[in-house]
Amino acid sequence: MAFQDQVSIQFMGKTYRVSKDSTLMGALLETGWESARELGCLGGCCGTCAALYRLPDETHVRTGLACRIPVREGISFSLVGCYPCPEPVYDLTTIDDPKQALFDLFPEITGCHKCGLCVTACPQDIDVMRGMWCAVFGDYVSVADHFKHCVQCGLCARACRAGLRPIWVAAYARRVLERGQEPLVGGQEPSG
């Protein structure tokens, strides 16, 4: 490969020359980084290649999926892997009031600062903050709709200053809907 067809990138502090037409994950495969072969789908569907990266002319750190981020000269990145975001243990068959159970399972959900960092962090362009507020108000249909493209990378939870766990709130809402336990919204009977 000709030198002009390559760019320099930094991965976890080491510099590599890679094809300029690659993604960050493609670049890792190109460098022979063995663990890259075990990282998910390589197509933006599974969220296992969550990455933090910085462009050379910027001071802030960005987030995204390494399988989707194109390499650029001087880009520096690390893989986050599975962000520690513990899922609460519950049994839906024992839950009589799914809306109250939401607050019992996720007491931090009312602490949202409305900062929008979760929205900025999401590689799927999900309005995470709006989805969380829909959950607070018991609109689980909207929660499920907001998160239909979620790949559970956990970058939203990583960015949240209030410690919210949006990926598990969304999963809870979907599970409640699947069981036909949609909470009452605005005093109305659930649809369906």
N, C-alpha and C. Protein backbone atom coordinates (compact mmCIF):
# COMPACT_ATOMS: atom_id res chain seq x y z
N MET A 1 0.85 -1.17 0.00
CA MET A 1 0.00 0.00 0.00
C MET A 1 0.90 1.24 0.00
N ALA A 2 0.58 2.19 -0.85
CA ALA A 2 1.38 3.41 -0.96
C ALA A 2 1.21 4.27 0.29
N PHE A 3 2.27 4.97 0.64
CA PHE A 3 2.28 5.81 1.84
C PHE A 3 1.16 6.85 1.79
N GLN A 4 0.86 7.41 0.61
CA GLN A 4 -0.17 8.45 0.51
C GLN A 4 -1.58 7.88 0.71
N ASP A 5 -1.73 6.56 0.65
CA ASP A 5 -3.02 5.93 0.88
C ASP A 5 -3.22 5.54 2.35
N GLN A 6 -2.31 5.99 3.21
CA GLN A 6 -2.37 5.65 4.62
C GLN A 6 -2.48 6.90 5.49
N VAL A 7 -2.97 6.70 6.70
CA VAL A 7 -3.01 7.75 7.71
C VAL A 7 -2.43 7.19 9.00
N SER A 8 -1.99 8.08 9.86
CA SER A 8 -1.52 7.68 11.19
C SER A 8 -2.66 7.81 12.17
N ILE A 9 -2.86 6.76 12.96
CA ILE A 9 -3.88 6.78 14.02
C ILE A 9 -3.20 6.36 15.31
N GLN A 10 -3.83 6.70 16.42
CA GLN A 10 -3.35 6.23 17.71
C GLN A 10 -4.44 5.40 18.35
N PHE A 11 -4.09 4.18 18.72
CA PHE A 11 -5.01 3.30 19.43
C PHE A 11 -4.37 2.94 20.76
N MET A 12 -5.01 3.33 21.83
CA MET A 12 -4.54 3.05 23.18
C MET A 12 -3.08 3.44 23.36
N GLY A 13 -2.74 4.62 22.82
CA GLY A 13 -1.41 5.18 23.01
C GLY A 13 -0.34 4.75 22.02
N LYS A 14 -0.64 3.79 21.15
CA LYS A 14 0.33 3.35 20.15
C LYS A 14 -0.07 3.89 18.77
N THR A 15 0.92 4.25 17.99
CA THR A 15 0.66 4.81 16.67
C THR A 15 0.78 3.72 15.61
N TYR A 16 -0.17 3.75 14.67
CA TYR A 16 -0.21 2.79 13.57
C TYR A 16 -0.45 3.54 12.27
N ARG A 17 0.05 3.00 11.17
CA ARG A 17 -0.27 3.48 9.83
C ARG A 17 -1.26 2.51 9.23
N VAL A 18 -2.39 3.05 8.79
CA VAL A 18 -3.47 2.20 8.26
C VAL A 18 -4.05 2.82 7.00
N SER A 19 -4.83 2.03 6.30
CA SER A 19 -5.50 2.50 5.09
C SER A 19 -6.43 3.66 5.42
N LYS A 20 -6.39 4.69 4.59
CA LYS A 20 -7.21 5.88 4.86
C LYS A 20 -8.69 5.65 4.55
N ASP A 21 -9.02 4.53 3.92
CA ASP A 21 -10.41 4.22 3.56
C ASP A 21 -11.04 3.22 4.51
N SER A 22 -10.60 3.20 5.75
CA SER A 22 -11.05 2.20 6.70
C SER A 22 -11.86 2.84 7.83
N THR A 23 -12.50 2.00 8.60
CA THR A 23 -13.12 2.45 9.86
C THR A 23 -12.12 2.15 10.98
N LEU A 24 -12.42 2.60 12.17
CA LEU A 24 -11.52 2.30 13.29
C LEU A 24 -11.40 0.79 13.53
N MET A 25 -12.51 0.06 13.44
CA MET A 25 -12.43 -1.39 13.62
C MET A 25 -11.67 -2.03 12.47
N GLY A 26 -11.90 -1.56 11.26
CA GLY A 26 -11.16 -2.07 10.12
C GLY A 26 -9.67 -1.85 10.28
N ALA A 27 -9.33 -0.68 10.83
CA ALA A 27 -7.91 -0.37 11.07
C ALA A 27 -7.31 -1.33 12.08
N LEU A 28 -8.06 -1.67 13.13
CA LEU A 28 -7.56 -2.62 14.12
C LEU A 28 -7.33 -3.99 13.50
N LEU A 29 -8.25 -4.40 12.66
CA LEU A 29 -8.07 -5.68 11.97
C LEU A 29 -6.84 -5.62 11.06
N GLU A 30 -6.66 -4.49 10.40
CA GLU A 30 -5.52 -4.30 9.50
C GLU A 30 -4.19 -4.37 10.25
N THR A 31 -4.18 -3.85 11.47
CA THR A 31 -2.94 -3.85 12.26
C THR A 31 -2.63 -5.22 12.86
N GLY A 32 -3.62 -6.12 12.77
CA GLY A 32 -3.41 -7.45 13.34
C GLY A 32 -3.81 -7.55 14.80
N TRP A 33 -4.49 -6.55 15.31
CA TRP A 33 -4.93 -6.57 16.70
C TRP A 33 -5.93 -7.71 16.85
N GLU A 34 -5.52 -8.79 17.45
CA GLU A 34 -6.29 -10.04 17.49
C GLU A 34 -7.67 -9.91 18.14
N SER A 35 -7.77 -9.13 19.17
CA SER A 35 -9.06 -9.03 19.87
C SER A 35 -10.14 -8.41 19.01
N ALA A 36 -9.76 -7.68 17.96
CA ALA A 36 -10.75 -7.07 17.08
C ALA A 36 -11.60 -8.13 16.39
N ARG A 37 -11.04 -9.30 16.16
CA ARG A 37 -11.78 -10.37 15.48
C ARG A 37 -12.94 -10.88 16.33
N GLU A 38 -12.86 -10.68 17.61
CA GLU A 38 -13.87 -11.20 18.52
C GLU A 38 -14.91 -10.15 18.90
N LEU A 39 -14.83 -8.97 18.31
CA LEU A 39 -15.71 -7.89 18.70
C LEU A 39 -16.92 -7.76 17.78
N GLY A 40 -17.93 -8.47 18.05
CA GLY A 40 -19.23 -8.27 17.46
C GLY A 40 -19.40 -8.37 15.97
N CYS A 41 -20.35 -7.59 15.49
CA CYS A 41 -20.87 -7.74 14.14
C CYS A 41 -20.11 -6.98 13.07
N LEU A 42 -19.35 -5.97 13.44
CA LEU A 42 -18.63 -5.09 12.53
C LEU A 42 -19.56 -4.32 11.60
N GLY A 43 -20.84 -4.27 11.94
CA GLY A 43 -21.81 -3.57 11.10
C GLY A 43 -22.69 -2.58 11.83
N GLY A 44 -22.38 -2.26 13.07
CA GLY A 44 -23.16 -1.26 13.80
C GLY A 44 -24.45 -1.76 14.40
N CYS A 45 -24.58 -3.07 14.56
CA CYS A 45 -25.82 -3.64 15.08
C CYS A 45 -25.76 -4.12 16.52
N CYS A 46 -24.55 -4.33 17.05
CA CYS A 46 -24.48 -4.98 18.37
C CYS A 46 -23.95 -4.09 19.49
N GLY A 47 -23.25 -3.03 19.20
CA GLY A 47 -22.78 -2.12 20.23
C GLY A 47 -21.54 -2.53 20.99
N THR A 48 -20.90 -3.65 20.63
CA THR A 48 -19.75 -4.11 21.39
C THR A 48 -18.47 -3.35 21.08
N CYS A 49 -18.46 -2.53 20.05
CA CYS A 49 -17.25 -1.79 19.70
C CYS A 49 -17.37 -0.31 20.08
N ALA A 50 -18.08 -0.03 21.17
CA ALA A 50 -18.21 1.35 21.63
C ALA A 50 -16.82 1.94 21.83
N ALA A 51 -16.66 3.17 21.35
CA ALA A 51 -15.33 3.79 21.37
C ALA A 51 -15.39 5.23 21.85
N LEU A 52 -14.29 5.64 22.44
CA LEU A 52 -14.04 7.05 22.76
C LEU A 52 -12.96 7.49 21.80
N TYR A 53 -13.15 8.65 21.16
CA TYR A 53 -12.13 9.10 20.23
C TYR A 53 -12.01 10.61 20.24
N ARG A 54 -10.85 11.05 19.80
CA ARG A 54 -10.56 12.48 19.75
C ARG A 54 -9.91 12.77 18.40
N LEU A 55 -10.40 13.80 17.76
CA LEU A 55 -9.80 14.26 16.51
C LEU A 55 -8.65 15.19 16.85
N PRO A 56 -7.63 15.25 16.02
CA PRO A 56 -6.41 16.00 16.38
C PRO A 56 -6.62 17.49 16.62
N ASP A 57 -7.62 18.08 16.02
CA ASP A 57 -7.85 19.52 16.16
C ASP A 57 -8.91 19.85 17.21
N GLU A 58 -9.31 18.86 18.01
CA GLU A 58 -10.35 19.08 19.01
C GLU A 58 -9.83 18.74 20.41
N THR A 59 -10.45 19.36 21.41
CA THR A 59 -10.07 19.08 22.79
C THR A 59 -11.05 18.16 23.48
N HIS A 60 -12.26 17.99 22.91
CA HIS A 60 -13.25 17.14 23.57
C HIS A 60 -13.22 15.72 23.00
N VAL A 61 -13.68 14.79 23.82
CA VAL A 61 -13.73 13.39 23.44
C VAL A 61 -15.12 13.09 22.89
N ARG A 62 -15.13 12.39 21.78
CA ARG A 62 -16.39 11.98 21.15
C ARG A 62 -16.65 10.50 21.45
N THR A 63 -17.88 10.08 21.18
CA THR A 63 -18.24 8.68 21.35
C THR A 63 -18.83 8.15 20.05
N GLY A 64 -18.74 6.85 19.87
CA GLY A 64 -19.33 6.23 18.70
C GLY A 64 -19.01 4.75 18.65
N LEU A 65 -19.42 4.13 17.56
CA LEU A 65 -19.13 2.72 17.33
C LEU A 65 -17.93 2.65 16.39
N ALA A 66 -16.90 1.95 16.80
CA ALA A 66 -15.66 1.90 16.03
C ALA A 66 -15.85 1.31 14.64
N CYS A 67 -16.88 0.50 14.46
CA CYS A 67 -17.13 -0.09 13.15
C CYS A 67 -17.75 0.92 12.18
N ARG A 68 -18.14 2.09 12.70
CA ARG A 68 -18.75 3.11 11.85
C ARG A 68 -17.92 4.38 11.71
N ILE A 69 -16.94 4.55 12.55
CA ILE A 69 -16.16 5.80 12.55
C ILE A 69 -15.03 5.67 11.53
N PRO A 70 -15.00 6.55 10.53
CA PRO A 70 -13.90 6.48 9.56
C PRO A 70 -12.60 6.97 10.18
N VAL A 71 -11.50 6.36 9.76
CA VAL A 71 -10.20 6.83 10.24
C VAL A 71 -9.91 8.19 9.63
N ARG A 72 -9.15 8.98 10.37
CA ARG A 72 -8.68 10.29 9.90
C ARG A 72 -7.27 10.46 10.42
N GLU A 73 -6.51 11.22 9.71
CA GLU A 73 -5.13 11.48 10.13
C GLU A 73 -5.13 12.03 11.55
N GLY A 74 -4.38 11.36 12.42
CA GLY A 74 -4.20 11.83 13.79
C GLY A 74 -5.30 11.48 14.76
N ILE A 75 -6.30 10.73 14.34
CA ILE A 75 -7.37 10.35 15.27
C ILE A 75 -6.78 9.45 16.37
N SER A 76 -7.25 9.65 17.57
CA SER A 76 -6.80 8.87 18.72
C SER A 76 -8.04 8.23 19.34
N PHE A 77 -7.98 6.93 19.65
CA PHE A 77 -9.17 6.28 20.19
C PHE A 77 -8.85 5.11 21.10
N SER A 78 -9.85 4.74 21.87
CA SER A 78 -9.82 3.56 22.71
C SER A 78 -11.19 2.91 22.64
N LEU A 79 -11.23 1.62 22.82
CA LEU A 79 -12.51 0.93 22.89
C LEU A 79 -12.98 0.92 24.34
N VAL A 80 -14.26 1.11 24.52
CA VAL A 80 -14.83 1.14 25.87
C VAL A 80 -15.23 -0.26 26.29
N GLY A 81 -15.64 -1.08 25.33
CA GLY A 81 -16.14 -2.40 25.67
C GLY A 81 -17.50 -2.29 26.33
N CYS A 82 -17.85 -3.24 27.09
CA CYS A 82 -19.14 -3.25 27.77
C CYS A 82 -19.07 -2.33 28.98
N TYR A 83 -19.79 -1.22 28.91
CA TYR A 83 -19.76 -0.25 30.01
C TYR A 83 -20.48 -0.86 31.22
N PRO A 84 -19.90 -0.72 32.41
CA PRO A 84 -20.53 -1.30 33.60
C PRO A 84 -21.85 -0.58 33.93
N CYS A 85 -22.92 -1.21 33.57
CA CYS A 85 -24.25 -0.65 33.75
C CYS A 85 -25.15 -1.77 34.24
N PRO A 86 -25.15 -2.03 35.54
CA PRO A 86 -25.85 -3.21 36.06
C PRO A 86 -27.35 -3.19 35.79
N GLU A 87 -27.84 -4.33 35.34
CA GLU A 87 -29.27 -4.49 35.10
C GLU A 87 -29.93 -4.94 36.40
N PRO A 88 -31.04 -4.29 36.77
CA PRO A 88 -31.72 -4.74 37.98
C PRO A 88 -32.38 -6.09 37.76
N VAL A 89 -32.52 -6.83 38.83
CA VAL A 89 -33.17 -8.15 38.77
C VAL A 89 -34.63 -7.96 39.18
N TYR A 90 -35.51 -8.45 38.35
CA TYR A 90 -36.94 -8.36 38.66
C TYR A 90 -37.68 -9.48 37.95
N ASP A 91 -38.88 -9.74 38.42
CA ASP A 91 -39.76 -10.74 37.83
C ASP A 91 -41.07 -10.04 37.50
N LEU A 92 -41.34 -9.84 36.22
CA LEU A 92 -42.54 -9.10 35.82
C LEU A 92 -43.83 -9.76 36.29
N THR A 93 -43.80 -11.07 36.50
CA THR A 93 -45.03 -11.73 36.95
C THR A 93 -45.42 -11.33 38.36
N THR A 94 -44.48 -10.76 39.10
CA THR A 94 -44.77 -10.34 40.48
C THR A 94 -45.02 -8.84 40.58
N ILE A 95 -44.97 -8.14 39.46
CA ILE A 95 -45.14 -6.68 39.48
C ILE A 95 -46.58 -6.33 39.14
N ASP A 96 -47.27 -5.70 40.10
CA ASP A 96 -48.66 -5.28 39.89
C ASP A 96 -48.75 -3.89 39.28
N ASP A 97 -47.83 -3.02 39.65
CA ASP A 97 -47.86 -1.63 39.18
C ASP A 97 -46.53 -1.34 38.47
N PRO A 98 -46.47 -1.52 37.15
CA PRO A 98 -45.21 -1.35 36.42
C PRO A 98 -44.63 0.06 36.52
N LYS A 99 -45.50 1.07 36.65
CA LYS A 99 -44.99 2.43 36.75
C LYS A 99 -44.27 2.64 38.08
N GLN A 100 -44.87 2.18 39.18
CA GLN A 100 -44.21 2.31 40.48
C GLN A 100 -42.95 1.46 40.52
N ALA A 101 -43.00 0.29 39.91
CA ALA A 101 -41.83 -0.59 39.88
C ALA A 101 -40.67 0.08 39.15
N LEU A 102 -40.97 0.89 38.13
CA LEU A 102 -39.91 1.62 37.43
C LEU A 102 -39.11 2.47 38.43
N PHE A 103 -39.80 3.18 39.30
CA PHE A 103 -39.12 4.03 40.28
C PHE A 103 -38.42 3.22 41.37
N ASP A 104 -38.95 2.05 41.67
CA ASP A 104 -38.30 1.17 42.64
C ASP A 104 -37.01 0.58 42.06
N LEU A 105 -37.08 0.17 40.78
CA LEU A 105 -35.93 -0.45 40.11
C LEU A 105 -34.88 0.56 39.68
N PHE A 106 -35.34 1.75 39.32
CA PHE A 106 -34.44 2.79 38.80
C PHE A 106 -34.68 4.10 39.57
N PRO A 107 -34.36 4.15 40.86
CA PRO A 107 -34.64 5.36 41.65
C PRO A 107 -33.93 6.60 41.11
N GLU A 108 -32.85 6.40 40.35
CA GLU A 108 -32.10 7.53 39.81
C GLU A 108 -32.81 8.22 38.65
N ILE A 109 -33.89 7.64 38.14
CA ILE A 109 -34.50 8.15 36.91
C ILE A 109 -35.06 9.57 37.07
N THR A 110 -35.44 9.94 38.26
CA THR A 110 -35.97 11.30 38.46
C THR A 110 -34.85 12.33 38.62
N GLY A 111 -33.61 11.89 38.64
CA GLY A 111 -32.48 12.80 38.83
C GLY A 111 -31.90 13.37 37.55
N CYS A 112 -32.56 13.17 36.43
CA CYS A 112 -32.06 13.67 35.14
C CYS A 112 -31.82 15.18 35.22
N HIS A 113 -30.63 15.60 34.78
CA HIS A 113 -30.26 17.02 34.79
C HIS A 113 -30.67 17.73 33.50
N LYS A 114 -31.24 17.00 32.56
CA LYS A 114 -31.63 17.55 31.25
C LYS A 114 -30.44 18.19 30.54
N CYS A 115 -29.28 17.60 30.70
CA CYS A 115 -28.06 18.17 30.10
C CYS A 115 -27.88 17.76 28.65
N GLY A 116 -28.49 16.64 28.25
CA GLY A 116 -28.39 16.17 26.87
C GLY A 116 -27.13 15.41 26.55
N LEU A 117 -26.28 15.14 27.54
CA LEU A 117 -25.05 14.40 27.27
C LEU A 117 -25.33 12.99 26.75
N CYS A 118 -26.41 12.40 27.22
CA CYS A 118 -26.79 11.06 26.76
C CYS A 118 -27.13 11.07 25.28
N VAL A 119 -27.80 12.12 24.85
CA VAL A 119 -28.19 12.26 23.44
C VAL A 119 -26.94 12.43 22.58
N THR A 120 -26.02 13.26 23.04
CA THR A 120 -24.78 13.50 22.31
C THR A 120 -23.94 12.23 22.23
N ALA A 121 -23.95 11.43 23.27
CA ALA A 121 -23.13 10.22 23.32
C ALA A 121 -23.67 9.08 22.46
N CYS A 122 -24.95 9.09 22.16
CA CYS A 122 -25.57 7.97 21.47
C CYS A 122 -25.15 7.87 20.01
N PRO A 123 -24.51 6.76 19.62
CA PRO A 123 -24.10 6.59 18.22
C PRO A 123 -25.26 6.29 17.28
N GLN A 124 -26.44 6.04 17.84
CA GLN A 124 -27.61 5.72 17.03
C GLN A 124 -28.53 6.93 16.87
N ASP A 125 -28.10 8.09 17.36
CA ASP A 125 -28.90 9.33 17.28
C ASP A 125 -30.27 9.20 17.96
N ILE A 126 -30.31 8.47 19.05
CA ILE A 126 -31.54 8.32 19.83
C ILE A 126 -31.68 9.50 20.77
N ASP A 127 -32.89 10.04 20.88
CA ASP A 127 -33.14 11.09 21.85
C ASP A 127 -33.34 10.41 23.21
N VAL A 128 -32.25 10.00 23.81
CA VAL A 128 -32.26 9.23 25.05
C VAL A 128 -32.98 9.98 26.17
N MET A 129 -32.69 11.27 26.28
CA MET A 129 -33.28 12.07 27.34
C MET A 129 -34.81 12.08 27.23
N ARG A 130 -35.32 12.27 26.04
CA ARG A 130 -36.78 12.26 25.84
C ARG A 130 -37.35 10.88 26.17
N GLY A 131 -36.64 9.83 25.79
CA GLY A 131 -37.09 8.48 26.12
C GLY A 131 -37.18 8.26 27.61
N MET A 132 -36.23 8.80 28.36
CA MET A 132 -36.25 8.65 29.82
C MET A 132 -37.43 9.40 30.42
N TRP A 133 -37.71 10.59 29.89
CA TRP A 133 -38.86 11.34 30.41
C TRP A 133 -40.17 10.66 30.05
N CYS A 134 -40.25 10.02 28.91
CA CYS A 134 -41.44 9.23 28.57
C CYS A 134 -41.63 8.11 29.58
N ALA A 135 -40.54 7.50 30.00
CA ALA A 135 -40.62 6.44 31.01
C ALA A 135 -41.13 6.99 32.34
N VAL A 136 -40.60 8.13 32.74
CA VAL A 136 -41.03 8.75 34.01
C VAL A 136 -42.54 8.98 34.00
N PHE A 137 -43.09 9.37 32.85
CA PHE A 137 -44.52 9.65 32.77
C PHE A 137 -45.34 8.44 32.37
N GLY A 138 -44.70 7.27 32.32
CA GLY A 138 -45.43 6.03 32.08
C GLY A 138 -45.79 5.75 30.63
N ASP A 139 -45.22 6.48 29.70
CA ASP A 139 -45.51 6.27 28.28
C ASP A 139 -44.51 5.27 27.71
N TYR A 140 -44.72 4.01 28.02
CA TYR A 140 -43.78 2.96 27.62
C TYR A 140 -43.80 2.68 26.13
N VAL A 141 -44.90 2.99 25.48
CA VAL A 141 -44.96 2.84 24.02
C VAL A 141 -43.96 3.79 23.37
N SER A 142 -43.91 5.03 23.85
CA SER A 142 -42.94 5.99 23.31
C SER A 142 -41.51 5.61 23.67
N VAL A 143 -41.32 5.07 24.86
CA VAL A 143 -39.98 4.61 25.26
C VAL A 143 -39.50 3.54 24.28
N ALA A 144 -40.34 2.55 24.03
CA ALA A 144 -39.98 1.47 23.11
C ALA A 144 -39.71 2.02 21.72
N ASP A 145 -40.50 2.99 21.28
CA ASP A 145 -40.30 3.58 19.96
C ASP A 145 -38.99 4.37 19.90
N HIS A 146 -38.70 5.14 20.94
CA HIS A 146 -37.45 5.91 20.98
C HIS A 146 -36.22 5.00 20.91
N PHE A 147 -36.29 3.86 21.56
CA PHE A 147 -35.12 2.99 21.68
C PHE A 147 -35.13 1.81 20.70
N LYS A 148 -35.94 1.87 19.67
CA LYS A 148 -36.03 0.72 18.76
C LYS A 148 -34.72 0.44 18.03
N HIS A 149 -33.83 1.43 17.92
CA HIS A 149 -32.55 1.21 17.25
C HIS A 149 -31.38 1.13 18.23
N CYS A 150 -31.68 1.00 19.51
CA CYS A 150 -30.63 0.92 20.53
C CYS A 150 -29.82 -0.36 20.37
N VAL A 151 -28.50 -0.23 20.41
CA VAL A 151 -27.62 -1.40 20.31
C VAL A 151 -27.00 -1.75 21.67
N GLN A 152 -27.47 -1.11 22.72
CA GLN A 152 -27.05 -1.36 24.10
C GLN A 152 -25.55 -1.24 24.30
N CYS A 153 -24.96 -0.22 23.71
CA CYS A 153 -23.52 0.00 23.87
C CYS A 153 -23.20 0.59 25.25
N GLY A 154 -24.17 1.23 25.88
CA GLY A 154 -23.96 1.81 27.21
C GLY A 154 -23.30 3.18 27.21
N LEU A 155 -23.05 3.77 26.04
CA LEU A 155 -22.41 5.09 26.01
C LEU A 155 -23.29 6.16 26.64
N CYS A 156 -24.60 6.01 26.56
CA CYS A 156 -25.50 6.98 27.19
C CYS A 156 -25.34 6.93 28.71
N ALA A 157 -25.24 5.73 29.27
CA ALA A 157 -25.05 5.58 30.72
C ALA A 157 -23.71 6.14 31.15
N ARG A 158 -22.70 5.94 30.33
CA ARG A 158 -21.37 6.47 30.63
C ARG A 158 -21.39 7.99 30.71
N ALA A 159 -22.17 8.62 29.83
CA ALA A 159 -22.22 10.08 29.77
C ALA A 159 -23.10 10.70 30.85
N CYS A 160 -23.99 9.92 31.43
CA CYS A 160 -25.00 10.48 32.34
C CYS A 160 -24.40 10.87 33.69
N ARG A 161 -24.56 12.15 34.04
CA ARG A 161 -24.06 12.66 35.33
C ARG A 161 -24.93 12.22 36.49
N ALA A 162 -26.17 11.80 36.21
CA ALA A 162 -27.09 11.38 37.27
C ALA A 162 -27.07 9.88 37.49
N GLY A 163 -26.29 9.15 36.71
CA GLY A 163 -26.19 7.71 36.87
C GLY A 163 -27.37 6.92 36.32
N LEU A 164 -28.11 7.50 35.38
CA LEU A 164 -29.22 6.77 34.77
C LEU A 164 -28.70 5.61 33.95
N ARG A 165 -29.54 4.59 33.81
CA ARG A 165 -29.20 3.40 33.03
C ARG A 165 -30.23 3.24 31.91
N PRO A 166 -30.17 4.13 30.92
CA PRO A 166 -31.20 4.15 29.87
C PRO A 166 -31.40 2.82 29.15
N ILE A 167 -30.33 2.08 28.92
CA ILE A 167 -30.50 0.82 28.18
C ILE A 167 -31.38 -0.16 28.95
N TRP A 168 -31.30 -0.14 30.26
CA TRP A 168 -32.11 -1.07 31.05
C TRP A 168 -33.51 -0.52 31.31
N VAL A 169 -33.65 0.79 31.37
CA VAL A 169 -35.00 1.39 31.47
C VAL A 169 -35.77 1.04 30.20
N ALA A 170 -35.12 1.19 29.04
CA ALA A 170 -35.77 0.88 27.78
C ALA A 170 -36.14 -0.61 27.70
N ALA A 171 -35.24 -1.47 28.15
CA ALA A 171 -35.52 -2.91 28.13
C ALA A 171 -36.70 -3.23 29.05
N TYR A 172 -36.74 -2.58 30.22
CA TYR A 172 -37.86 -2.78 31.15
C TYR A 172 -39.17 -2.37 30.48
N ALA A 173 -39.19 -1.20 29.85
CA ALA A 173 -40.42 -0.71 29.20
C ALA A 173 -40.88 -1.69 28.12
N ARG A 174 -39.96 -2.18 27.31
CA ARG A 174 -40.33 -3.14 26.26
C ARG A 174 -40.88 -4.44 26.86
N ARG A 175 -40.26 -4.90 27.94
CA ARG A 175 -40.73 -6.14 28.57
C ARG A 175 -42.12 -5.96 29.16
N VAL A 176 -42.37 -4.80 29.77
CA VAL A 176 -43.69 -4.51 30.32
C VAL A 176 -44.73 -4.52 29.19
N LEU A 177 -44.40 -3.89 28.07
CA LEU A 177 -45.33 -3.86 26.93
C LEU A 177 -45.58 -5.25 26.38
N GLU A 178 -44.52 -6.06 26.28
CA GLU A 178 -44.66 -7.41 25.75
C GLU A 178 -45.60 -8.26 26.60
N ARG A 179 -45.63 -7.98 27.89
CA ARG A 179 -46.51 -8.73 28.79
C ARG A 179 -47.90 -8.12 28.86
N GLY A 180 -48.12 -7.01 28.15
CA GLY A 180 -49.43 -6.36 28.18
C GLY A 180 -49.69 -5.64 29.48
N GLN A 181 -48.61 -5.19 30.15
CA GLN A 181 -48.75 -4.53 31.44
C GLN A 181 -48.53 -3.02 31.33
N GLU A 182 -48.86 -2.44 30.17
CA GLU A 182 -48.61 -1.02 29.99
C GLU A 182 -49.30 -0.22 31.10
N PRO A 183 -48.57 0.69 31.74
CA PRO A 183 -49.18 1.48 32.81
C PRO A 183 -50.20 2.46 32.26
N LEU A 184 -51.11 2.87 33.11
CA LEU A 184 -52.09 3.88 32.71
C LEU A 184 -51.38 5.19 32.44
N VAL A 185 -51.74 5.85 31.35
CA VAL A 185 -51.16 7.14 30.98
C VAL A 185 -52.27 8.16 30.97
N GLY A 186 -52.15 9.17 31.79
CA GLY A 186 -53.14 10.24 31.83
C GLY A 186 -54.54 9.76 32.19
N GLY A 187 -54.63 8.70 32.99
CA GLY A 187 -55.92 8.21 33.43
C GLY A 187 -56.63 7.36 32.38
N GLN A 188 -56.02 7.12 31.24
CA GLN A 188 -56.64 6.35 30.16
C GLN A 188 -56.30 4.87 30.31
N GLU A 189 -57.21 4.04 29.84
CA GLU A 189 -56.90 2.61 29.80
C GLU A 189 -55.86 2.37 28.73
N PRO A 190 -54.98 1.42 28.94
CA PRO A 190 -53.98 1.11 27.92
C PRO A 190 -54.62 0.68 26.61
N SER A 191 -53.99 1.06 25.51
CA SER A 191 -54.52 0.66 24.19
C SER A 191 -54.15 -0.78 23.92
N GLY A 192 -54.91 -1.40 23.05
CA GLY A 192 -54.55 -2.75 22.63
C GLY A 192 -55.34 -3.74 23.30
